């Protein structure tokens, strides 16, 4: 995905989100290659990048911390990612499993 196509997603990573998220999204939060352990907003999450290129996976924590990643592939549509940020801005926690269901708007 070219940087110009990632720009909408990168803009979402620059929004300071209130609790329960509390902080900033990283591209990894929106990427289909990211696998997180710790399923509660109150828990610390751990990232495991499943990208097949090892160098990409090695740099995943930098991307999760706010850097760009040329290997980013969205897990959901841009519209759904904007909605996710909107839900976080309301101080709510979205049901990400619902977005992953077949037939829902996700890119999947």
N, C-alpha and C. Protein backbone atom coordinates (compact mmCIF):
# COMPACT_ATOMS: atom_id res chain seq x y z
N UNK A 1 0.85 -1.17 0.00
CA UNK A 1 0.00 0.00 0.00
C UNK A 1 0.90 1.24 0.00
N UNK A 2 0.66 2.13 -0.93
CA UNK A 2 1.47 3.34 -1.04
C UNK A 2 1.15 4.30 0.10
N UNK A 3 2.14 5.14 0.42
CA UNK A 3 1.97 6.09 1.53
C UNK A 3 0.73 6.95 1.35
N UNK A 4 0.46 7.37 0.14
CA UNK A 4 -0.71 8.21 -0.10
C UNK A 4 -1.99 7.46 0.27
N UNK A 5 -2.04 6.15 0.07
CA UNK A 5 -3.19 5.35 0.44
C UNK A 5 -3.24 5.12 1.95
N UNK A 6 -2.09 5.13 2.61
CA UNK A 6 -2.03 4.94 4.07
C UNK A 6 -2.33 6.22 4.82
N UNK A 7 -2.30 7.35 4.14
CA UNK A 7 -2.41 8.65 4.82
C UNK A 7 -3.67 8.76 5.68
N UNK A 8 -4.80 8.28 5.20
CA UNK A 8 -6.03 8.35 6.01
C UNK A 8 -5.88 7.58 7.31
N UNK A 9 -5.23 6.42 7.23
CA UNK A 9 -5.00 5.62 8.43
C UNK A 9 -3.98 6.30 9.34
N UNK A 10 -2.93 6.88 8.75
CA UNK A 10 -1.92 7.58 9.53
C UNK A 10 -2.52 8.77 10.28
N UNK A 11 -3.47 9.46 9.67
CA UNK A 11 -4.13 10.58 10.34
C UNK A 11 -4.87 10.11 11.59
N UNK A 12 -5.45 8.93 11.53
CA UNK A 12 -6.15 8.39 12.69
C UNK A 12 -5.21 8.09 13.85
N UNK A 13 -3.93 7.84 13.53
CA UNK A 13 -2.95 7.54 14.58
C UNK A 13 -2.47 8.79 15.30
N UNK A 14 -2.90 9.96 14.86
CA UNK A 14 -2.46 11.22 15.45
C UNK A 14 -3.51 11.84 16.36
N UNK A 15 -4.58 11.10 16.62
CA UNK A 15 -5.66 11.58 17.48
C UNK A 15 -5.46 11.01 18.88
N UNK A 16 -5.35 11.90 19.86
CA UNK A 16 -5.19 11.48 21.25
C UNK A 16 -6.55 11.00 21.77
N UNK A 17 -6.63 9.73 22.10
CA UNK A 17 -7.89 9.12 22.50
C UNK A 17 -8.03 9.07 24.02
N UNK A 18 -9.25 9.31 24.52
CA UNK A 18 -9.48 9.26 25.97
C UNK A 18 -9.58 7.82 26.47
N UNK A 19 -9.70 7.67 27.78
CA UNK A 19 -9.94 6.35 28.36
C UNK A 19 -11.27 5.84 27.83
N UNK A 20 -11.42 4.57 27.58
CA UNK A 20 -10.61 3.46 28.03
C UNK A 20 -9.38 3.20 27.16
N UNK A 21 -9.30 3.79 25.95
CA UNK A 21 -8.10 3.55 25.13
C UNK A 21 -6.91 4.29 25.72
N UNK A 22 -7.07 5.56 25.92
CA UNK A 22 -6.07 6.40 26.57
C UNK A 22 -4.73 6.41 25.86
N UNK A 23 -4.63 7.20 24.82
CA UNK A 23 -3.38 7.33 24.07
C UNK A 23 -3.64 7.40 22.59
N UNK A 24 -2.70 6.91 21.83
CA UNK A 24 -2.77 6.98 20.38
C UNK A 24 -2.81 5.58 19.79
N UNK A 25 -3.56 5.44 18.70
CA UNK A 25 -3.50 4.21 17.92
C UNK A 25 -2.17 4.18 17.18
N UNK A 26 -1.70 3.00 16.88
CA UNK A 26 -0.60 2.83 15.95
C UNK A 26 -1.17 2.14 14.72
N UNK A 27 -0.46 2.19 13.62
CA UNK A 27 -0.94 1.48 12.43
C UNK A 27 -1.22 0.02 12.74
N UNK A 28 -0.43 -0.55 13.65
CA UNK A 28 -0.62 -1.96 14.01
C UNK A 28 -2.01 -2.23 14.54
N UNK A 29 -2.60 -1.25 15.24
CA UNK A 29 -3.95 -1.44 15.77
C UNK A 29 -4.98 -1.62 14.68
N UNK A 30 -4.64 -1.21 13.47
CA UNK A 30 -5.57 -1.28 12.35
C UNK A 30 -5.13 -2.27 11.27
N UNK A 31 -4.04 -2.98 11.51
CA UNK A 31 -3.41 -3.83 10.49
C UNK A 31 -3.83 -5.29 10.60
N UNK A 32 -4.04 -5.91 9.46
CA UNK A 32 -4.44 -7.32 9.44
C UNK A 32 -3.33 -8.26 9.88
N UNK A 33 -2.08 -7.81 9.87
CA UNK A 33 -0.97 -8.67 10.29
C UNK A 33 -0.73 -8.65 11.79
N UNK A 34 -1.34 -7.72 12.49
CA UNK A 34 -1.10 -7.58 13.93
C UNK A 34 -1.97 -8.56 14.71
N UNK A 35 -1.34 -9.17 15.69
CA UNK A 35 -2.04 -10.07 16.60
C UNK A 35 -1.72 -9.60 18.02
N UNK A 36 -2.74 -9.31 18.80
CA UNK A 36 -2.55 -8.79 20.14
C UNK A 36 -3.01 -9.79 21.18
N UNK A 37 -2.26 -9.88 22.27
CA UNK A 37 -2.73 -10.64 23.42
C UNK A 37 -3.09 -9.63 24.49
N UNK A 38 -4.03 -10.00 25.34
CA UNK A 38 -4.54 -9.05 26.33
C UNK A 38 -5.77 -8.40 25.75
N UNK A 39 -6.94 -8.95 26.04
CA UNK A 39 -8.16 -8.52 25.34
C UNK A 39 -9.00 -7.52 26.13
N UNK A 40 -8.47 -6.97 27.17
CA UNK A 40 -9.23 -6.02 27.97
C UNK A 40 -8.59 -4.64 27.90
N UNK A 41 -9.42 -3.57 27.86
CA UNK A 41 -8.85 -2.23 27.83
C UNK A 41 -8.03 -1.92 29.08
N UNK A 42 -8.26 -2.68 30.13
CA UNK A 42 -7.52 -2.44 31.37
C UNK A 42 -6.20 -3.21 31.41
N UNK A 43 -5.99 -4.13 30.49
CA UNK A 43 -4.78 -4.95 30.47
C UNK A 43 -3.75 -4.35 29.53
N UNK A 44 -2.49 -4.63 29.81
CA UNK A 44 -1.44 -4.30 28.86
C UNK A 44 -1.53 -5.30 27.71
N UNK A 45 -1.48 -4.82 26.50
CA UNK A 45 -1.50 -5.70 25.34
C UNK A 45 -0.09 -5.95 24.86
N UNK A 46 0.09 -7.08 24.23
CA UNK A 46 1.36 -7.44 23.64
C UNK A 46 1.15 -7.67 22.15
N UNK A 47 2.02 -7.13 21.34
CA UNK A 47 1.91 -7.21 19.89
C UNK A 47 2.76 -8.33 19.33
N UNK A 48 2.18 -9.09 18.40
CA UNK A 48 2.91 -10.09 17.63
C UNK A 48 2.58 -9.83 16.16
N UNK A 49 3.54 -9.30 15.40
CA UNK A 49 3.34 -9.03 13.99
C UNK A 49 3.49 -10.33 13.21
N UNK A 50 2.47 -10.67 12.45
CA UNK A 50 2.45 -11.92 11.67
C UNK A 50 2.85 -11.70 10.21
N UNK A 51 3.45 -10.56 9.89
CA UNK A 51 3.86 -10.30 8.51
C UNK A 51 4.91 -11.33 8.11
N UNK A 52 4.82 -11.88 6.89
CA UNK A 52 5.75 -12.92 6.47
C UNK A 52 7.20 -12.45 6.26
N UNK A 53 7.42 -11.14 6.12
CA UNK A 53 8.79 -10.63 6.00
C UNK A 53 9.31 -10.34 7.40
N UNK A 54 10.33 -11.06 7.80
CA UNK A 54 10.84 -10.99 9.17
C UNK A 54 11.22 -9.57 9.59
N UNK A 55 11.85 -8.80 8.70
CA UNK A 55 12.29 -7.44 9.02
C UNK A 55 11.11 -6.55 9.40
N UNK A 56 9.97 -6.75 8.75
CA UNK A 56 8.76 -5.98 9.08
C UNK A 56 8.33 -6.31 10.50
N UNK A 57 8.27 -7.60 10.82
CA UNK A 57 7.86 -8.03 12.16
C UNK A 57 8.83 -7.52 13.22
N UNK A 58 10.11 -7.48 12.92
CA UNK A 58 11.11 -7.00 13.88
C UNK A 58 10.91 -5.53 14.23
N UNK A 59 10.40 -4.74 13.29
CA UNK A 59 10.20 -3.30 13.51
C UNK A 59 8.78 -2.95 13.96
N UNK A 60 7.97 -3.94 14.26
CA UNK A 60 6.56 -3.71 14.56
C UNK A 60 6.35 -2.80 15.77
N UNK A 61 7.19 -2.90 16.80
CA UNK A 61 6.97 -2.06 17.98
C UNK A 61 7.20 -0.58 17.67
N UNK A 62 8.08 -0.27 16.72
CA UNK A 62 8.27 1.13 16.31
C UNK A 62 7.01 1.64 15.61
N UNK A 63 6.42 0.80 14.77
CA UNK A 63 5.20 1.18 14.05
C UNK A 63 4.05 1.33 15.04
N UNK A 64 3.94 0.39 15.97
CA UNK A 64 2.89 0.47 16.98
C UNK A 64 3.04 1.75 17.80
N UNK A 65 4.27 2.21 17.94
CA UNK A 65 4.55 3.44 18.69
C UNK A 65 4.36 4.71 17.89
N UNK A 66 3.96 4.61 16.61
CA UNK A 66 3.65 5.81 15.84
C UNK A 66 4.34 5.95 14.51
N UNK A 67 5.30 5.06 14.20
CA UNK A 67 5.98 5.14 12.91
C UNK A 67 5.09 4.64 11.77
N UNK A 68 5.52 4.89 10.56
CA UNK A 68 4.84 4.42 9.35
C UNK A 68 5.35 3.01 9.02
N UNK A 69 4.59 2.27 8.24
CA UNK A 69 4.98 0.93 7.81
C UNK A 69 4.50 0.71 6.38
N UNK A 70 5.43 0.53 5.45
CA UNK A 70 5.05 0.33 4.05
C UNK A 70 4.32 -1.00 3.85
N UNK A 71 4.45 -1.93 4.79
CA UNK A 71 3.80 -3.24 4.66
C UNK A 71 2.40 -3.26 5.27
N UNK A 72 1.94 -2.13 5.82
CA UNK A 72 0.61 -2.05 6.43
C UNK A 72 -0.48 -2.45 5.44
N UNK A 73 -1.36 -3.32 5.93
CA UNK A 73 -2.56 -3.69 5.19
C UNK A 73 -3.72 -3.60 6.17
N UNK A 74 -4.72 -2.78 5.86
CA UNK A 74 -5.81 -2.56 6.82
C UNK A 74 -6.62 -3.82 7.08
N UNK A 75 -7.00 -3.97 8.33
CA UNK A 75 -7.88 -5.07 8.71
C UNK A 75 -9.33 -4.74 8.38
N UNK A 76 -9.65 -3.44 8.41
CA UNK A 76 -11.00 -2.98 8.16
C UNK A 76 -10.96 -1.84 7.14
N UNK A 77 -12.11 -1.51 6.59
CA UNK A 77 -12.21 -0.40 5.64
C UNK A 77 -11.86 0.91 6.34
N UNK A 78 -11.50 1.93 5.55
CA UNK A 78 -11.21 3.25 6.13
C UNK A 78 -12.41 3.77 6.91
N UNK A 79 -13.60 3.58 6.35
CA UNK A 79 -14.80 4.07 7.01
C UNK A 79 -14.98 3.41 8.38
N UNK A 80 -14.75 2.11 8.45
CA UNK A 80 -14.88 1.41 9.73
C UNK A 80 -13.81 1.87 10.72
N UNK A 81 -12.61 2.14 10.23
CA UNK A 81 -11.54 2.63 11.12
C UNK A 81 -11.88 4.02 11.66
N UNK A 82 -12.46 4.86 10.83
CA UNK A 82 -12.91 6.18 11.29
C UNK A 82 -13.99 6.01 12.36
N UNK A 83 -14.91 5.08 12.12
CA UNK A 83 -15.96 4.81 13.12
C UNK A 83 -15.35 4.31 14.43
N UNK A 84 -14.34 3.45 14.35
CA UNK A 84 -13.68 2.96 15.57
C UNK A 84 -13.11 4.11 16.38
N UNK A 85 -12.43 5.02 15.70
CA UNK A 85 -11.87 6.19 16.40
C UNK A 85 -12.99 7.02 17.00
N UNK A 86 -14.08 7.18 16.28
CA UNK A 86 -15.23 7.92 16.81
C UNK A 86 -15.79 7.28 18.07
N UNK A 87 -15.83 5.96 18.10
CA UNK A 87 -16.30 5.24 19.30
C UNK A 87 -15.34 5.47 20.46
N UNK A 88 -14.02 5.38 20.17
CA UNK A 88 -13.02 5.65 21.21
C UNK A 88 -13.15 7.08 21.73
N UNK A 89 -13.40 8.04 20.83
CA UNK A 89 -13.52 9.44 21.25
C UNK A 89 -14.73 9.67 22.16
N UNK A 90 -15.72 8.80 22.07
CA UNK A 90 -16.88 8.88 22.95
C UNK A 90 -16.61 8.23 24.31
N UNK A 91 -15.39 7.69 24.47
CA UNK A 91 -15.05 7.03 25.72
C UNK A 91 -15.58 5.62 25.82
N UNK A 92 -15.91 5.03 24.68
CA UNK A 92 -16.44 3.67 24.64
C UNK A 92 -15.41 2.74 24.02
N UNK A 93 -15.61 1.44 24.22
CA UNK A 93 -14.73 0.42 23.65
C UNK A 93 -15.51 -0.36 22.59
N UNK A 94 -15.09 -0.30 21.31
CA UNK A 94 -15.84 -0.99 20.25
C UNK A 94 -15.69 -2.51 20.34
N UNK A 95 -16.65 -3.22 19.79
CA UNK A 95 -16.59 -4.67 19.71
C UNK A 95 -15.87 -5.04 18.42
N UNK A 96 -14.55 -5.23 18.51
CA UNK A 96 -13.75 -5.52 17.32
C UNK A 96 -14.08 -6.89 16.74
N UNK A 97 -14.52 -7.82 17.56
CA UNK A 97 -14.90 -9.14 17.06
C UNK A 97 -16.09 -9.03 16.11
N UNK A 98 -16.98 -8.10 16.39
CA UNK A 98 -18.14 -7.89 15.53
C UNK A 98 -17.70 -7.44 14.13
N UNK A 99 -16.69 -6.59 14.05
CA UNK A 99 -16.19 -6.14 12.76
C UNK A 99 -15.54 -7.27 11.96
N UNK A 100 -15.00 -8.26 12.66
CA UNK A 100 -14.32 -9.36 12.00
C UNK A 100 -15.27 -10.44 11.47
N UNK A 101 -16.55 -10.32 11.78
CA UNK A 101 -17.52 -11.31 11.30
C UNK A 101 -17.69 -11.20 9.79
N UNK A 102 -17.88 -12.32 9.10
CA UNK A 102 -18.15 -12.27 7.66
C UNK A 102 -19.42 -11.48 7.38
N UNK A 103 -19.39 -10.70 6.31
CA UNK A 103 -20.56 -9.93 5.92
C UNK A 103 -20.61 -8.55 6.56
N UNK A 104 -19.72 -8.27 7.50
CA UNK A 104 -19.65 -6.94 8.10
C UNK A 104 -18.70 -6.13 7.22
N UNK A 105 -18.65 -4.83 7.40
CA UNK A 105 -17.94 -3.92 6.51
C UNK A 105 -16.43 -4.07 6.45
N UNK A 106 -15.84 -4.89 7.24
CA UNK A 106 -14.39 -4.99 7.29
C UNK A 106 -13.76 -5.37 5.96
N UNK A 107 -12.47 -5.07 5.84
CA UNK A 107 -11.71 -5.39 4.62
C UNK A 107 -11.45 -6.89 4.56
N UNK A 108 -11.12 -7.46 5.74
CA UNK A 108 -10.91 -8.87 5.99
C UNK A 108 -10.31 -9.63 4.92
